[in-house]
Amino acid sequence: MPTHTIAIQHVSGSLHFDSRIELKCLLQPPNNSTIKQWVGPRGEIVSNNEHLLIERFRPSDQGAYTCRIIFPGRQALQQVKTRAA
């Protein structure tokens, strides 16, 4: 079974309240047979693809976001914490 690496890329936005934030979860090497999800600070699924978009960053959006990549029979996780500057 090949080894994969998960990286979280900051696509756009700054961590300031009322700003737009976009993060992308990258898998290397790419694998098209995976399911990608973002899980929010309260444990809810906030995105069902590799992109996490917060249109207007608010205090309630602060916390740990986890990129979850599900492979057949296993999963991989990478976490990023968001807090306003």
PDB file of N, CA and C in Angstrom:
ATOM      1  N   MET A   1       0.849  -1.172   0.000  1.00  0.00           N
ATOM      2  CA  MET A   1       0.000   0.000   0.000  1.00  0.00           C
ATOM      3  C   MET A   1       0.902   1.247   0.000  1.00  0.00           C
ATOM      4  N   PRO A   2       0.705   2.177  -0.945  1.00  0.00           N
ATOM      5  CA  PRO A   2       1.575   3.355  -1.017  1.00  0.00           C
ATOM      6  C   PRO A   2       1.374   4.290   0.176  1.00  0.00           C
ATOM      7  N   THR A   3       2.429   5.019   0.487  1.00  0.00           N
ATOM      8  CA  THR A   3       2.364   6.017   1.550  1.00  0.00           C
ATOM      9  C   THR A   3       1.886   7.336   0.967  1.00  0.00           C
ATOM     10  N   HIS A   4       0.962   7.981   1.649  1.00  0.00           N
ATOM     11  CA  HIS A   4       0.431   9.270   1.207  1.00  0.00           C
ATOM     12  C   HIS A   4       0.739  10.339   2.242  1.00  0.00           C
ATOM     13  N   THR A   5       0.836  11.567   1.775  1.00  0.00           N
ATOM     14  CA  THR A   5       1.056  12.723   2.631  1.00  0.00           C
ATOM     15  C   THR A   5      -0.095  13.702   2.435  1.00  0.00           C
ATOM     16  N   ILE A   6      -0.593  14.246   3.542  1.00  0.00           N
ATOM     17  CA  ILE A   6      -1.643  15.265   3.473  1.00  0.00           C
ATOM     18  C   ILE A   6      -1.025  16.608   3.830  1.00  0.00           C
ATOM     19  N   ALA A   7      -1.312  17.616   3.020  1.00  0.00           N
ATOM     20  CA  ALA A   7      -0.868  18.980   3.301  1.00  0.00           C
ATOM     21  C   ALA A   7      -2.067  19.909   3.202  1.00  0.00           C
ATOM     22  N   ILE A   8      -2.077  20.926   4.042  1.00  0.00           N
ATOM     23  CA  ILE A   8      -3.135  21.930   3.993  1.00  0.00           C
ATOM     24  C   ILE A   8      -2.535  23.206   3.432  1.00  0.00           C
ATOM     25  N   GLN A   9      -3.113  23.664   2.337  1.00  0.00           N
ATOM     26  CA  GLN A   9      -2.634  24.862   1.643  1.00  0.00           C
ATOM     27  C   GLN A   9      -3.571  26.028   1.945  1.00  0.00           C
ATOM     28  N   HIS A  10      -2.987  27.154   2.345  1.00  0.00           N
ATOM     29  CA  HIS A  10      -3.760  28.382   2.563  1.00  0.00           C
ATOM     30  C   HIS A  10      -3.901  29.050   1.206  1.00  0.00           C
ATOM     31  N   VAL A  11      -5.083  28.990   0.625  1.00  0.00           N
ATOM     32  CA  VAL A  11      -5.312  29.496  -0.724  1.00  0.00           C
ATOM     33  C   VAL A  11      -5.488  31.005  -0.720  1.00  0.00           C
ATOM     34  N   SER A  12      -6.333  31.505   0.164  1.00  0.00           N
ATOM     35  CA  SER A  12      -6.563  32.950   0.189  1.00  0.00           C
ATOM     36  C   SER A  12      -7.144  33.373   1.521  1.00  0.00           C
ATOM     37  N   GLY A  13      -7.047  34.670   1.783  1.00  0.00           N
ATOM     38  CA  GLY A  13      -7.637  35.254   2.975  1.00  0.00           C
ATOM     39  C   GLY A  13      -6.660  35.340   4.131  1.00  0.00           C
ATOM     40  N   SER A  14      -6.945  36.261   5.026  1.00  0.00           N
ATOM     41  CA  SER A  14      -6.147  36.400   6.237  1.00  0.00           C
ATOM     42  C   SER A  14      -7.048  36.109   7.421  1.00  0.00           C
ATOM     43  N   LEU A  15      -6.448  35.701   8.517  1.00  0.00           N
ATOM     44  CA  LEU A  15      -7.242  35.345   9.683  1.00  0.00           C
ATOM     45  C   LEU A  15      -7.612  36.592  10.476  1.00  0.00           C
ATOM     46  N   HIS A  16      -8.487  37.365   9.892  1.00  0.00           N
ATOM     47  CA  HIS A  16      -9.062  38.535  10.540  1.00  0.00           C
ATOM     48  C   HIS A  16     -10.575  38.395  10.451  1.00  0.00           C
ATOM     49  N   PHE A  17     -11.272  38.866  11.473  1.00  0.00           N
ATOM     50  CA  PHE A  17     -12.729  38.776  11.449  1.00  0.00           C
ATOM     51  C   PHE A  17     -13.287  39.509  10.235  1.00  0.00           C
ATOM     52  N   ASP A  18     -14.342  38.964   9.693  1.00  0.00           N
ATOM     53  CA  ASP A  18     -15.050  39.459   8.511  1.00  0.00           C
ATOM     54  C   ASP A  18     -14.297  39.224   7.205  1.00  0.00           C
ATOM     55  N   SER A  19     -13.171  38.499   7.237  1.00  0.00           N
ATOM     56  CA  SER A  19     -12.448  38.210   5.996  1.00  0.00           C
ATOM     57  C   SER A  19     -12.891  36.858   5.442  1.00  0.00           C
ATOM     58  N   ARG A  20     -12.605  36.647   4.169  1.00  0.00           N
ATOM     59  CA  ARG A  20     -12.913  35.391   3.475  1.00  0.00           C
ATOM     60  C   ARG A  20     -11.675  34.505   3.574  1.00  0.00           C
ATOM     61  N   ILE A  21     -11.861  33.254   3.985  1.00  0.00           N
ATOM     62  CA  ILE A  21     -10.758  32.318   4.174  1.00  0.00           C
ATOM     63  C   ILE A  21     -10.988  31.114   3.264  1.00  0.00           C
ATOM     64  N   GLU A  22      -9.949  30.689   2.564  1.00  0.00           N
ATOM     65  CA  GLU A  22     -10.043  29.472   1.759  1.00  0.00           C
ATOM     66  C   GLU A  22      -8.825  28.604   2.020  1.00  0.00           C
ATOM     67  N   LEU A  23      -9.084  27.344   2.383  1.00  0.00           N
ATOM     68  CA  LEU A  23      -8.035  26.360   2.594  1.00  0.00           C
ATOM     69  C   LEU A  23      -8.275  25.190   1.650  1.00  0.00           C
ATOM     70  N   LYS A  24      -7.199  24.508   1.289  1.00  0.00           N
ATOM     71  CA  LYS A  24      -7.311  23.352   0.400  1.00  0.00           C
ATOM     72  C   LYS A  24      -6.513  22.202   0.998  1.00  0.00           C
ATOM     73  N   CYS A  25      -7.097  21.029   0.982  1.00  0.00           N
ATOM     74  CA  CYS A  25      -6.455  19.824   1.481  1.00  0.00           C
ATOM     75  C   CYS A  25      -5.861  19.068   0.294  1.00  0.00           C
ATOM     76  N   LEU A  26      -4.555  18.858   0.330  1.00  0.00           N
ATOM     77  CA  LEU A  26      -3.854  18.212  -0.780  1.00  0.00           C
ATOM     78  C   LEU A  26      -3.352  16.839  -0.363  1.00  0.00           C
ATOM     79  N   LEU A  27      -3.495  15.861  -1.232  1.00  0.00           N
ATOM     80  CA  LEU A  27      -3.008  14.511  -1.000  1.00  0.00           C
ATOM     81  C   LEU A  27      -1.916  14.213  -2.012  1.00  0.00           C
ATOM     82  N   GLN A  28      -0.756  13.761  -1.522  1.00  0.00           N
ATOM     83  CA  GLN A  28       0.353  13.394  -2.400  1.00  0.00           C
ATOM     84  C   GLN A  28       0.766  11.959  -2.117  1.00  0.00           C
ATOM     85  N   PRO A  29       0.916  11.119  -3.104  1.00  0.00           N
ATOM     86  CA  PRO A  29       0.486  11.361  -4.478  1.00  0.00           C
ATOM     87  C   PRO A  29      -1.038  11.376  -4.558  1.00  0.00           C
ATOM     88  N   PRO A  30      -1.588  12.046  -5.567  1.00  0.00           N
ATOM     89  CA  PRO A  30      -3.049  12.119  -5.719  1.00  0.00           C
ATOM     90  C   PRO A  30      -3.672  10.729  -5.853  1.00  0.00           C
ATOM     91  N   ASN A  31      -4.889  10.599  -5.380  1.00  0.00           N
ATOM     92  CA  ASN A  31      -5.618   9.338  -5.459  1.00  0.00           C
ATOM     93  C   ASN A  31      -7.089   9.679  -5.685  1.00  0.00           C
ATOM     94  N   ASN A  32      -7.620   9.332  -6.833  1.00  0.00           N
ATOM     95  CA  ASN A  32      -8.999   9.687  -7.181  1.00  0.00           C
ATOM     96  C   ASN A  32     -10.054   8.811  -6.518  1.00  0.00           C
ATOM     97  N   SER A  33      -9.637   7.741  -5.839  1.00  0.00           N
ATOM     98  CA  SER A  33     -10.628   6.862  -5.211  1.00  0.00           C
ATOM     99  C   SER A  33     -10.820   7.192  -3.732  1.00  0.00           C
ATOM    100  N   THR A  34     -10.540   8.427  -3.343  1.00  0.00           N
ATOM    101  CA  THR A  34     -10.714   8.838  -1.951  1.00  0.00           C
ATOM    102  C   THR A  34     -11.923   9.758  -1.802  1.00  0.00           C
ATOM    103  N   ILE A  35     -12.386   9.875  -0.576  1.00  0.00           N
ATOM    104  CA  ILE A  35     -13.415  10.845  -0.210  1.00  0.00           C
ATOM    105  C   ILE A  35     -12.725  11.893   0.650  1.00  0.00           C
ATOM    106  N   LYS A  36     -12.916  13.167   0.325  1.00  0.00           N
ATOM    107  CA  LYS A  36     -12.297  14.252   1.088  1.00  0.00           C
ATOM    108  C   LYS A  36     -13.387  15.042   1.794  1.00  0.00           C
ATOM    109  N   GLN A  37     -13.152  15.332   3.072  1.00  0.00           N
ATOM    110  CA  GLN A  37     -14.102  16.106   3.874  1.00  0.00           C
ATOM    111  C   GLN A  37     -13.339  17.040   4.803  1.00  0.00           C
ATOM    112  N   TRP A  38     -13.979  18.135   5.154  1.00  0.00           N
ATOM    113  CA  TRP A  38     -13.494  19.015   6.217  1.00  0.00           C
ATOM    114  C   TRP A  38     -14.458  18.901   7.383  1.00  0.00           C
ATOM    115  N   VAL A  39     -13.904  18.706   8.579  1.00  0.00           N
ATOM    116  CA  VAL A  39     -14.696  18.619   9.800  1.00  0.00           C
ATOM    117  C   VAL A  39     -14.398  19.865  10.626  1.00  0.00           C
ATOM    118  N   GLY A  40     -15.457  20.546  11.067  1.00  0.00           N
ATOM    119  CA  GLY A  40     -15.313  21.802  11.794  1.00  0.00           C
ATOM    120  C   GLY A  40     -15.008  21.624  13.271  1.00  0.00           C
ATOM    121  N   PRO A  41     -14.811  22.740  13.975  1.00  0.00           N
ATOM    122  CA  PRO A  41     -14.438  22.708  15.391  1.00  0.00           C
ATOM    123  C   PRO A  41     -15.441  22.005  16.302  1.00  0.00           C
ATOM    124  N   ARG A  42     -16.687  21.925  15.889  1.00  0.00           N
ATOM    125  CA  ARG A  42     -17.709  21.268  16.708  1.00  0.00           C
ATOM    126  C   ARG A  42     -18.005  19.839  16.234  1.00  0.00           C
ATOM    127  N   GLY A  43     -17.147  19.304  15.363  1.00  0.00           N
ATOM    128  CA  GLY A  43     -17.290  17.924  14.916  1.00  0.00           C
ATOM    129  C   GLY A  43     -18.223  17.714  13.740  1.00  0.00           C
ATOM    130  N   GLU A  44     -18.736  18.801  13.159  1.00  0.00           N
ATOM    131  CA  GLU A  44     -19.659  18.686  12.030  1.00  0.00           C
ATOM    132  C   GLU A  44     -18.888  18.726  10.703  1.00  0.00           C
ATOM    133  N   ILE A  45     -19.410  18.035   9.693  1.00  0.00           N
ATOM    134  CA  ILE A  45     -18.813  18.102   8.358  1.00  0.00           C
ATOM    135  C   ILE A  45     -19.196  19.443   7.748  1.00  0.00           C
ATOM    136  N   VAL A  46     -18.185  20.253   7.399  1.00  0.00           N
ATOM    137  CA  VAL A  46     -18.441  21.590   6.855  1.00  0.00           C
ATOM    138  C   VAL A  46     -18.159  21.663   5.356  1.00  0.00           C
ATOM    139  N   SER A  47     -17.539  20.617   4.794  1.00  0.00           N
ATOM    140  CA  SER A  47     -17.293  20.566   3.353  1.00  0.00           C
ATOM    141  C   SER A  47     -17.114  19.116   2.941  1.00  0.00           C
ATOM    142  N   ASN A  48     -17.659  18.756   1.783  1.00  0.00           N
ATOM    143  CA  ASN A  48     -17.527  17.396   1.259  1.00  0.00           C
ATOM    144  C   ASN A  48     -16.579  17.336   0.075  1.00  0.00           C
ATOM    145  N   ASN A  49     -15.571  18.202   0.084  1.00  0.00           N
ATOM    146  CA  ASN A  49     -14.536  18.143  -0.947  1.00  0.00           C
ATOM    147  C   ASN A  49     -13.244  18.696  -0.366  1.00  0.00           C
ATOM    148  N   GLU A  50     -12.247  18.908  -1.194  1.00  0.00           N
ATOM    149  CA  GLU A  50     -10.929  19.327  -0.700  1.00  0.00           C
ATOM    150  C   GLU A  50     -10.856  20.797  -0.304  1.00  0.00           C
ATOM    151  N   HIS A  51     -11.877  21.576  -0.616  1.00  0.00           N
ATOM    152  CA  HIS A  51     -11.872  23.014  -0.324  1.00  0.00           C
ATOM    153  C   HIS A  51     -12.686  23.337   0.927  1.00  0.00           C
ATOM    154  N   LEU A  52     -12.105  24.174   1.786  1.00  0.00           N
ATOM    155  CA  LEU A  52     -12.828  24.740   2.919  1.00  0.00           C
ATOM    156  C   LEU A  52     -12.924  26.232   2.674  1.00  0.00           C
ATOM    157  N   LEU A  53     -14.133  26.737   2.587  1.00  0.00           N
ATOM    158  CA  LEU A  53     -14.355  28.153   2.322  1.00  0.00           C
ATOM    159  C   LEU A  53     -15.212  28.738   3.439  1.00  0.00           C
ATOM    160  N   ILE A  54     -14.680  29.773   4.083  1.00  0.00           N
ATOM    161  CA  ILE A  54     -15.434  30.528   5.083  1.00  0.00           C
ATOM    162  C   ILE A  54     -15.610  31.916   4.496  1.00  0.00           C
ATOM    163  N   GLU A  55     -16.819  32.246   4.103  1.00  0.00           N
ATOM    164  CA  GLU A  55     -17.082  33.518   3.414  1.00  0.00           C
ATOM    165  C   GLU A  55     -16.804  34.732   4.289  1.00  0.00           C
ATOM    166  N   ARG A  56     -17.154  34.632   5.555  1.00  0.00           N
ATOM    167  CA  ARG A  56     -16.973  35.771   6.470  1.00  0.00           C
ATOM    168  C   ARG A  56     -16.561  35.217   7.832  1.00  0.00           C
ATOM    169  N   PHE A  57     -15.264  35.224   8.108  1.00  0.00           N
ATOM    170  CA  PHE A  57     -14.701  34.637   9.323  1.00  0.00           C
ATOM    171  C   PHE A  57     -15.203  35.381  10.560  1.00  0.00           C
ATOM    172  N   ARG A  58     -15.833  34.631  11.477  1.00  0.00           N
ATOM    173  CA  ARG A  58     -16.407  35.212  12.695  1.00  0.00           C
ATOM    174  C   ARG A  58     -15.774  34.550  13.921  1.00  0.00           C
ATOM    175  N   PRO A  59     -15.950  35.123  15.106  1.00  0.00           N
ATOM    176  CA  PRO A  59     -15.405  34.495  16.316  1.00  0.00           C
ATOM    177  C   PRO A  59     -15.857  33.043  16.476  1.00  0.00           C
ATOM    178  N   SER A  60     -17.076  32.739  16.096  1.00  0.00           N
ATOM    179  CA  SER A  60     -17.585  31.366  16.230  1.00  0.00           C
ATOM    180  C   SER A  60     -16.920  30.396  15.256  1.00  0.00           C
ATOM    181  N   ASP A  61     -16.197  30.904  14.252  1.00  0.00           N
ATOM    182  CA  ASP A  61     -15.498  30.046  13.288  1.00  0.00           C
ATOM    183  C   ASP A  61     -14.111  29.627  13.775  1.00  0.00           C
ATOM    184  N   GLN A  62     -13.629  30.230  14.858  1.00  0.00           N
ATOM    185  CA  GLN A  62     -12.300  29.898  15.361  1.00  0.00           C
ATOM    186  C   GLN A  62     -12.280  28.469  15.895  1.00  0.00           C
ATOM    187  N   GLY A  63     -11.128  27.818  15.776  1.00  0.00           N
ATOM    188  CA  GLY A  63     -10.977  26.470  16.310  1.00  0.00           C
ATOM    189  C   GLY A  63     -10.222  25.581  15.349  1.00  0.00           C
ATOM    190  N   ALA A  64     -10.241  24.290  15.632  1.00  0.00           N
ATOM    191  CA  ALA A  64      -9.505  23.310  14.835  1.00  0.00           C
ATOM    192  C   ALA A  64     -10.392  22.753  13.723  1.00  0.00           C
ATOM    193  N   TYR A  65      -9.880  22.790  12.506  1.00  0.00           N
ATOM    194  CA  TYR A  65     -10.535  22.189  11.345  1.00  0.00           C
ATOM    195  C   TYR A  65      -9.680  21.011  10.906  1.00  0.00           C
ATOM    196  N   THR A  66     -10.335  19.896  10.589  1.00  0.00           N
ATOM    197  CA  THR A  66      -9.625  18.682  10.216  1.00  0.00           C
ATOM    198  C   THR A  66      -9.979  18.289   8.797  1.00  0.00           C
ATOM    199  N   CYS A  67      -8.943  18.093   7.990  1.00  0.00           N
ATOM    200  CA  CYS A  67      -9.136  17.512   6.663  1.00  0.00           C
ATOM    201  C   CYS A  67      -9.105  16.000   6.846  1.00  0.00           C
ATOM    202  N   ARG A  68     -10.179  15.348   6.427  1.00  0.00           N
ATOM    203  CA  ARG A  68     -10.272  13.891   6.541  1.00  0.00           C
ATOM    204  C   ARG A  68     -10.317  13.312   5.134  1.00  0.00           C
ATOM    205  N   ILE A  69      -9.392  12.417   4.863  1.00  0.00           N
ATOM    206  CA  ILE A  69      -9.365  11.725   3.574  1.00  0.00           C
ATOM    207  C   ILE A  69      -9.621  10.254   3.851  1.00  0.00           C
ATOM    208  N   ILE A  70     -10.666   9.743   3.225  1.00  0.00           N
ATOM    209  CA  ILE A  70     -11.084   8.366   3.458  1.00  0.00           C
ATOM    210  C   ILE A  70     -10.679   7.519   2.259  1.00  0.00           C
ATOM    211  N   PHE A  71      -9.851   6.517   2.539  1.00  0.00           N
ATOM    212  CA  PHE A  71      -9.420   5.530   1.552  1.00  0.00           C
ATOM    213  C   PHE A  71     -10.249   4.272   1.776  1.00  0.00           C
ATOM    214  N   PRO A  72     -10.283   3.367   0.811  1.00  0.00           N
ATOM    215  CA  PRO A  72     -10.942   2.087   1.081  1.00  0.00           C
ATOM    216  C   PRO A  72     -10.275   1.404   2.286  1.00  0.00           C
ATOM    217  N   GLY A  73     -11.016   1.250   3.377  1.00  0.00           N
ATOM    218  CA  GLY A  73     -10.516   0.543   4.546  1.00  0.00           C
ATOM    219  C   GLY A  73      -9.702   1.354   5.538  1.00  0.00           C
ATOM    220  N   ARG A  74      -9.467   2.639   5.293  1.00  0.00           N
ATOM    221  CA  ARG A  74      -8.696   3.451   6.246  1.00  0.00           C
ATOM    222  C   ARG A  74      -8.959   4.931   6.004  1.00  0.00           C
ATOM    223  N   GLN A  75      -8.441   5.762   6.891  1.00  0.00           N
ATOM    224  CA  GLN A  75      -8.572   7.207   6.714  1.00  0.00           C
ATOM    225  C   GLN A  75      -7.306   7.894   7.207  1.00  0.00           C
ATOM    226  N   ALA A  76      -7.092   9.112   6.732  1.00  0.00           N
ATOM    227  CA  ALA A  76      -5.961   9.936   7.150  1.00  0.00           C
ATOM    228  C   ALA A  76      -6.503  11.304   7.539  1.00  0.00           C
ATOM    229  N   LEU A  77      -5.873  11.924   8.538  1.00  0.00           N
ATOM    230  CA  LEU A  77      -6.344  13.203   9.062  1.00  0.00           C
ATOM    231  C   LEU A  77      -5.203  14.213   9.122  1.00  0.00           C
ATOM    232  N   GLN A  78      -5.525  15.466   8.870  1.00  0.00           N
ATOM    233  CA  GLN A  78      -4.587  16.578   9.065  1.00  0.00           C
ATOM    234  C   GLN A  78      -5.387  17.735   9.631  1.00  0.00           C
ATOM    235  N   GLN A  79      -4.851  18.389  10.653  1.00  0.00           N
ATOM    236  CA  GLN A  79      -5.607  19.435  11.344  1.00  0.00           C
ATOM    237  C   GLN A  79      -4.909  20.787  11.240  1.00  0.00           C
ATOM    238  N   VAL A  80      -5.725  21.844  11.174  1.00  0.00           N
ATOM    239  CA  VAL A  80      -5.229  23.218  11.197  1.00  0.00           C
ATOM    240  C   VAL A  80      -6.093  23.992  12.189  1.00  0.00           C
ATOM    241  N   LYS A  81      -5.459  24.887  12.953  1.00  0.00           N
ATOM    242  CA  LYS A  81      -6.207  25.698  13.916  1.00  0.00           C
ATOM    243  C   LYS A  81      -6.367  27.104  13.374  1.00  0.00           C
ATOM    244  N   THR A  82      -7.570  27.636  13.498  1.00  0.00           N
ATOM    245  CA  THR A  82      -7.844  28.998  13.045  1.00  0.00           C
ATOM    246  C   THR A  82      -8.143  29.872  14.249  1.00  0.00           C
ATOM    247  N   ARG A  83      -7.474  30.998  14.296  1.00  0.00           N
ATOM    248  CA  ARG A  83      -7.692  31.992  15.347  1.00  0.00           C
ATOM    249  C   ARG A  83      -7.360  33.344  14.749  1.00  0.00           C
ATOM    250  N   ALA A  84      -8.212  34.306  14.981  1.00  0.00           N
ATOM    251  CA  ALA A  84      -8.007  35.641  14.406  1.00  0.00           C
ATOM    252  C   ALA A  84      -6.731  36.266  14.946  1.00  0.00           C
ATOM    253  N   ALA A  85      -6.070  37.010  14.065  1.00  0.00           N
ATOM    254  CA  ALA A  85      -4.819  37.681  14.443  1.00  0.00           C
ATOM    255  C   ALA A  85      -5.096  38.921  15.253  1.00  0.00           C
TER     256      ALA A  85
END
